[in-house]
PDB file of N, CA and C in Angstrom:
ATOM      1  N   MET A   1      19.822 -17.814 -49.272  1.00  0.00           N
ATOM      2  CA  MET A   1      19.280 -18.438 -48.683  1.00  0.00           C
ATOM      3  C   MET A   1      17.971 -18.137 -48.501  1.00  0.00           C
ATOM      4  N   PRO A   2      16.940 -19.145 -49.080  1.00  0.00           N
ATOM      5  CA  PRO A   2      15.654 -18.605 -49.450  1.00  0.00           C
ATOM      6  C   PRO A   2      14.721 -19.196 -48.189  1.00  0.00           C
ATOM      7  N   ASP A   3      15.351 -20.177 -47.426  1.00  0.00           N
ATOM      8  CA  ASP A   3      14.486 -20.517 -46.284  1.00  0.00           C
ATOM      9  C   ASP A   3      15.076 -19.979 -44.843  1.00  0.00           C
ATOM     10  N   CYS A   4      15.740 -19.039 -44.975  1.00  0.00           N
ATOM     11  CA  CYS A   4      16.251 -18.507 -43.636  1.00  0.00           C
ATOM     12  C   CYS A   4      15.283 -16.998 -43.202  1.00  0.00           C
ATOM     13  N   VAL A   5      15.268 -16.873 -42.184  1.00  0.00           N
ATOM     14  CA  VAL A   5      14.255 -15.722 -41.554  1.00  0.00           C
ATOM     15  C   VAL A   5      15.385 -15.101 -40.865  1.00  0.00           C
ATOM     16  N   PHE A   6      15.517 -13.890 -40.985  1.00  0.00           N
ATOM     17  CA  PHE A   6      16.221 -12.886 -39.922  1.00  0.00           C
ATOM     18  C   PHE A   6      15.583 -12.020 -39.068  1.00  0.00           C
ATOM     19  N   ILE A   7      15.774 -12.042 -37.924  1.00  0.00           N
ATOM     20  CA  ILE A   7      15.166 -11.274 -36.855  1.00  0.00           C
ATOM     21  C   ILE A   7      15.996 -10.268 -36.187  1.00  0.00           C
ATOM     22  N   ASP A   8      15.615  -8.921 -35.943  1.00  0.00           N
ATOM     23  CA  ASP A   8      16.232  -7.812 -35.772  1.00  0.00           C
ATOM     24  C   ASP A   8      16.033  -7.755 -33.914  1.00  0.00           C
ATOM     25  N   LEU A   9      17.081  -8.269 -33.272  1.00  0.00           N
ATOM     26  CA  LEU A   9      16.701  -8.463 -31.831  1.00  0.00           C
ATOM     27  C   LEU A   9      17.664  -7.283 -31.188  1.00  0.00           C
ATOM     28  N   GLN A  10      17.843  -5.777 -31.964  1.00  0.00           N
ATOM     29  CA  GLN A  10      18.194  -4.762 -31.692  1.00  0.00           C
ATOM     30  C   GLN A  10      17.171  -3.809 -30.657  1.00  0.00           C
ATOM     31  N   TYR A  11      17.653  -3.313 -29.608  1.00  0.00           N
ATOM     32  CA  TYR A  11      16.857  -2.720 -29.011  1.00  0.00           C
ATOM     33  C   TYR A  11      16.738  -0.900 -29.608  1.00  0.00           C
ATOM     34  N   GLY A  12      15.763  -0.353 -29.292  1.00  0.00           N
ATOM     35  CA  GLY A  12      15.457   0.960 -29.978  1.00  0.00           C
ATOM     36  C   GLY A  12      15.045   1.041 -31.179  1.00  0.00           C
ATOM     37  N   ASP A  13      14.782   2.108 -31.856  1.00  0.00           N
ATOM     38  CA  ASP A  13      14.086   2.272 -33.186  1.00  0.00           C
ATOM     39  C   ASP A  13      15.298   2.060 -34.179  1.00  0.00           C
ATOM     40  N   THR A  14      15.060   0.984 -34.642  1.00  0.00           N
ATOM     41  CA  THR A  14      16.028   0.601 -35.933  1.00  0.00           C
ATOM     42  C   THR A  14      15.245   0.336 -37.366  1.00  0.00           C
ATOM     43  N   ALA A  15      14.021   1.109 -37.277  1.00  0.00           N
ATOM     44  CA  ALA A  15      13.259   1.184 -38.471  1.00  0.00           C
ATOM     45  C   ALA A  15      14.279   1.700 -39.719  1.00  0.00           C
ATOM     46  N   ALA A  16      15.070   2.828 -39.410  1.00  0.00           N
ATOM     47  CA  ALA A  16      15.932   3.423 -40.782  1.00  0.00           C
ATOM     48  C   ALA A  16      16.949   2.221 -40.998  1.00  0.00           C
ATOM     49  N   GLU A  17      17.429   1.438 -40.166  1.00  0.00           N
ATOM     50  CA  GLU A  17      18.574   0.378 -40.712  1.00  0.00           C
ATOM     51  C   GLU A  17      17.937  -0.507 -41.285  1.00  0.00           C
ATOM     52  N   ARG A  18      16.867  -1.227 -40.776  1.00  0.00           N
ATOM     53  CA  ARG A  18      15.881  -2.290 -41.414  1.00  0.00           C
ATOM     54  C   ARG A  18      15.682  -1.644 -42.747  1.00  0.00           C
ATOM     55  N   ALA A  19      15.116  -0.622 -43.014  1.00  0.00           N
ATOM     56  CA  ALA A  19      14.904  -0.104 -44.103  1.00  0.00           C
ATOM     57  C   ALA A  19      16.109   0.120 -45.208  1.00  0.00           C
ATOM     58  N   ALA A  20      17.230   0.374 -44.910  1.00  0.00           N
ATOM     59  CA  ALA A  20      18.320   0.443 -45.479  1.00  0.00           C
ATOM     60  C   ALA A  20      18.765  -0.773 -46.180  1.00  0.00           C
ATOM     61  N   LEU A  21      18.899  -1.795 -45.051  1.00  0.00           N
ATOM     62  CA  LEU A  21      19.073  -3.211 -45.669  1.00  0.00           C
ATOM     63  C   LEU A  21      17.969  -3.731 -46.543  1.00  0.00           C
ATOM     64  N   ARG A  22      16.933  -3.201 -46.305  1.00  0.00           N
ATOM     65  CA  ARG A  22      15.976  -4.157 -47.149  1.00  0.00           C
ATOM     66  C   ARG A  22      16.205  -3.416 -48.883  1.00  0.00           C
ATOM     67  N   ALA A  23      16.568  -1.992 -48.525  1.00  0.00           N
ATOM     68  CA  ALA A  23      16.780  -1.338 -50.018  1.00  0.00           C
ATOM     69  C   ALA A  23      17.885  -1.662 -50.728  1.00  0.00           C
ATOM     70  N   GLU A  24      19.039  -1.980 -49.780  1.00  0.00           N
ATOM     71  CA  GLU A  24      20.105  -2.623 -50.476  1.00  0.00           C
ATOM     72  C   GLU A  24      20.037  -4.049 -50.724  1.00  0.00           C
ATOM     73  N   THR A  25      19.623  -4.707 -50.203  1.00  0.00           N
ATOM     74  CA  THR A  25      19.733  -6.244 -50.091  1.00  0.00           C
ATOM     75  C   THR A  25      18.400  -7.051 -50.473  1.00  0.00           C
ATOM     76  N   GLY A  26      17.184  -6.262 -50.191  1.00  0.00           N
ATOM     77  CA  GLY A  26      16.207  -6.781 -50.559  1.00  0.00           C
ATOM     78  C   GLY A  26      15.738  -7.798 -49.473  1.00  0.00           C
ATOM     79  N   MET A  27      16.338  -7.917 -48.271  1.00  0.00           N
ATOM     80  CA  MET A  27      16.238  -8.709 -47.030  1.00  0.00           C
ATOM     81  C   MET A  27      15.174  -7.720 -46.049  1.00  0.00           C
ATOM     82  N   ALA A  28      14.314  -8.304 -45.723  1.00  0.00           N
ATOM     83  CA  ALA A  28      13.612  -7.489 -44.516  1.00  0.00           C
ATOM     84  C   ALA A  28      13.623  -8.457 -43.180  1.00  0.00           C
ATOM     85  N   PRO A  29      14.308  -7.970 -42.435  1.00  0.00           N
ATOM     86  CA  PRO A  29      14.484  -8.868 -41.123  1.00  0.00           C
ATOM     87  C   PRO A  29      13.243  -8.492 -40.496  1.00  0.00           C
ATOM     88  N   LEU A  30      12.669  -9.399 -39.861  1.00  0.00           N
ATOM     89  CA  LEU A  30      11.431  -9.371 -38.690  1.00  0.00           C
ATOM     90  C   LEU A  30      11.977  -8.755 -37.343  1.00  0.00           C
ATOM     91  N   HIS A  31      10.765  -7.602 -37.040  1.00  0.00           N
ATOM     92  CA  HIS A  31      11.106  -6.740 -35.930  1.00  0.00           C
ATOM     93  C   HIS A  31       9.857  -6.685 -35.143  1.00  0.00           C
ATOM     94  N   PHE A  32       9.940  -7.232 -33.803  1.00  0.00           N
ATOM     95  CA  PHE A  32       8.758  -7.502 -33.037  1.00  0.00           C
ATOM     96  C   PHE A  32       8.692  -6.074 -32.164  1.00  0.00           C
ATOM     97  N   ASP A  33       8.238  -5.014 -32.253  1.00  0.00           N
ATOM     98  CA  ASP A  33       7.940  -3.814 -31.280  1.00  0.00           C
ATOM     99  C   ASP A  33       7.577  -4.092 -30.036  1.00  0.00           C
ATOM    100  N   ASP A  34       6.375  -5.133 -29.760  1.00  0.00           N
ATOM    101  CA  ASP A  34       5.934  -5.548 -28.730  1.00  0.00           C
ATOM    102  C   ASP A  34       6.528  -6.136 -27.513  1.00  0.00           C
ATOM    103  N   VAL A  35       8.364  -6.621 -27.863  1.00  0.00           N
ATOM    104  CA  VAL A  35       8.989  -7.020 -27.133  1.00  0.00           C
ATOM    105  C   VAL A  35       9.675  -6.210 -26.345  1.00  0.00           C
ATOM    106  N   ASP A  36      10.030  -6.055 -25.125  1.00  0.00           N
ATOM    107  CA  ASP A  36      10.919  -5.201 -24.546  1.00  0.00           C
ATOM    108  C   ASP A  36      12.309  -5.756 -24.511  1.00  0.00           C
ATOM    109  N   ASN A  37      13.205  -5.720 -25.113  1.00  0.00           N
ATOM    110  CA  ASN A  37      14.433  -6.244 -25.103  1.00  0.00           C
ATOM    111  C   ASN A  37      15.287  -6.026 -24.090  1.00  0.00           C
ATOM    112  N   LEU A  38      15.007  -5.089 -23.281  1.00  0.00           N
ATOM    113  CA  LEU A  38      15.933  -4.783 -22.021  1.00  0.00           C
ATOM    114  C   LEU A  38      14.861  -5.205 -21.099  1.00  0.00           C
ATOM    115  N   HIS A  39      13.853  -5.550 -20.711  1.00  0.00           N
ATOM    116  CA  HIS A  39      13.302  -6.033 -19.597  1.00  0.00           C
ATOM    117  C   HIS A  39      12.490  -7.370 -19.779  1.00  0.00           C
ATOM    118  N   ASP A  40      12.338  -7.968 -20.835  1.00  0.00           N
ATOM    119  CA  ASP A  40      11.416  -9.145 -21.068  1.00  0.00           C
ATOM    120  C   ASP A  40      12.174 -10.097 -21.665  1.00  0.00           C
ATOM    121  N   PHE A  41      13.235 -10.600 -20.994  1.00  0.00           N
ATOM    122  CA  PHE A  41      14.320 -11.691 -21.603  1.00  0.00           C
ATOM    123  C   PHE A  41      13.706 -12.901 -21.868  1.00  0.00           C
ATOM    124  N   GLU A  42      12.445 -13.367 -21.191  1.00  0.00           N
ATOM    125  CA  GLU A  42      11.965 -14.701 -21.578  1.00  0.00           C
ATOM    126  C   GLU A  42      11.615 -14.395 -23.424  1.00  0.00           C
ATOM    127  N   SER A  43      11.155 -13.216 -23.834  1.00  0.00           N
ATOM    128  CA  SER A  43      10.680 -13.067 -24.700  1.00  0.00           C
ATOM    129  C   SER A  43      11.724 -12.986 -26.082  1.00  0.00           C
ATOM    130  N   VAL A  44      12.580 -12.271 -25.580  1.00  0.00           N
ATOM    131  CA  VAL A  44      13.895 -12.247 -26.327  1.00  0.00           C
ATOM    132  C   VAL A  44      14.641 -13.507 -26.447  1.00  0.00           C
ATOM    133  N   PHE A  45      14.521 -14.644 -25.490  1.00  0.00           N
ATOM    134  CA  PHE A  45      15.211 -15.888 -25.530  1.00  0.00           C
ATOM    135  C   PHE A  45      14.314 -16.600 -26.480  1.00  0.00           C
ATOM    136  N   ALA A  46      12.867 -16.568 -26.473  1.00  0.00           N
ATOM    137  CA  ALA A  46      11.939 -17.376 -27.463  1.00  0.00           C
ATOM    138  C   ALA A  46      12.492 -16.865 -28.832  1.00  0.00           C
ATOM    139  N   LEU A  47      12.668 -15.648 -29.042  1.00  0.00           N
ATOM    140  CA  LEU A  47      13.029 -15.248 -30.397  1.00  0.00           C
ATOM    141  C   LEU A  47      14.390 -15.778 -30.798  1.00  0.00           C
ATOM    142  N   ILE A  48      15.036 -15.904 -30.025  1.00  0.00           N
ATOM    143  CA  ILE A  48      16.370 -16.425 -30.325  1.00  0.00           C
ATOM    144  C   ILE A  48      16.474 -18.063 -30.658  1.00  0.00           C
TER     145      ILE A  48
END
C-alpha cells in the first residue's frame, strides 16, 4: 500500500525492532522520540 504511513506507538527503545522490520520488509514506521507515550496522552491521541 504505497499511500500508507505506519507509526510506532510503542514506548521504550524500539530502534532494533524498527530496524529489523525495515531490513525484512522495507517498511520504516515513523517513531517520535519527543512524545512521552506514558504521560503525554494528548500527543499520543493526536498520532492515532
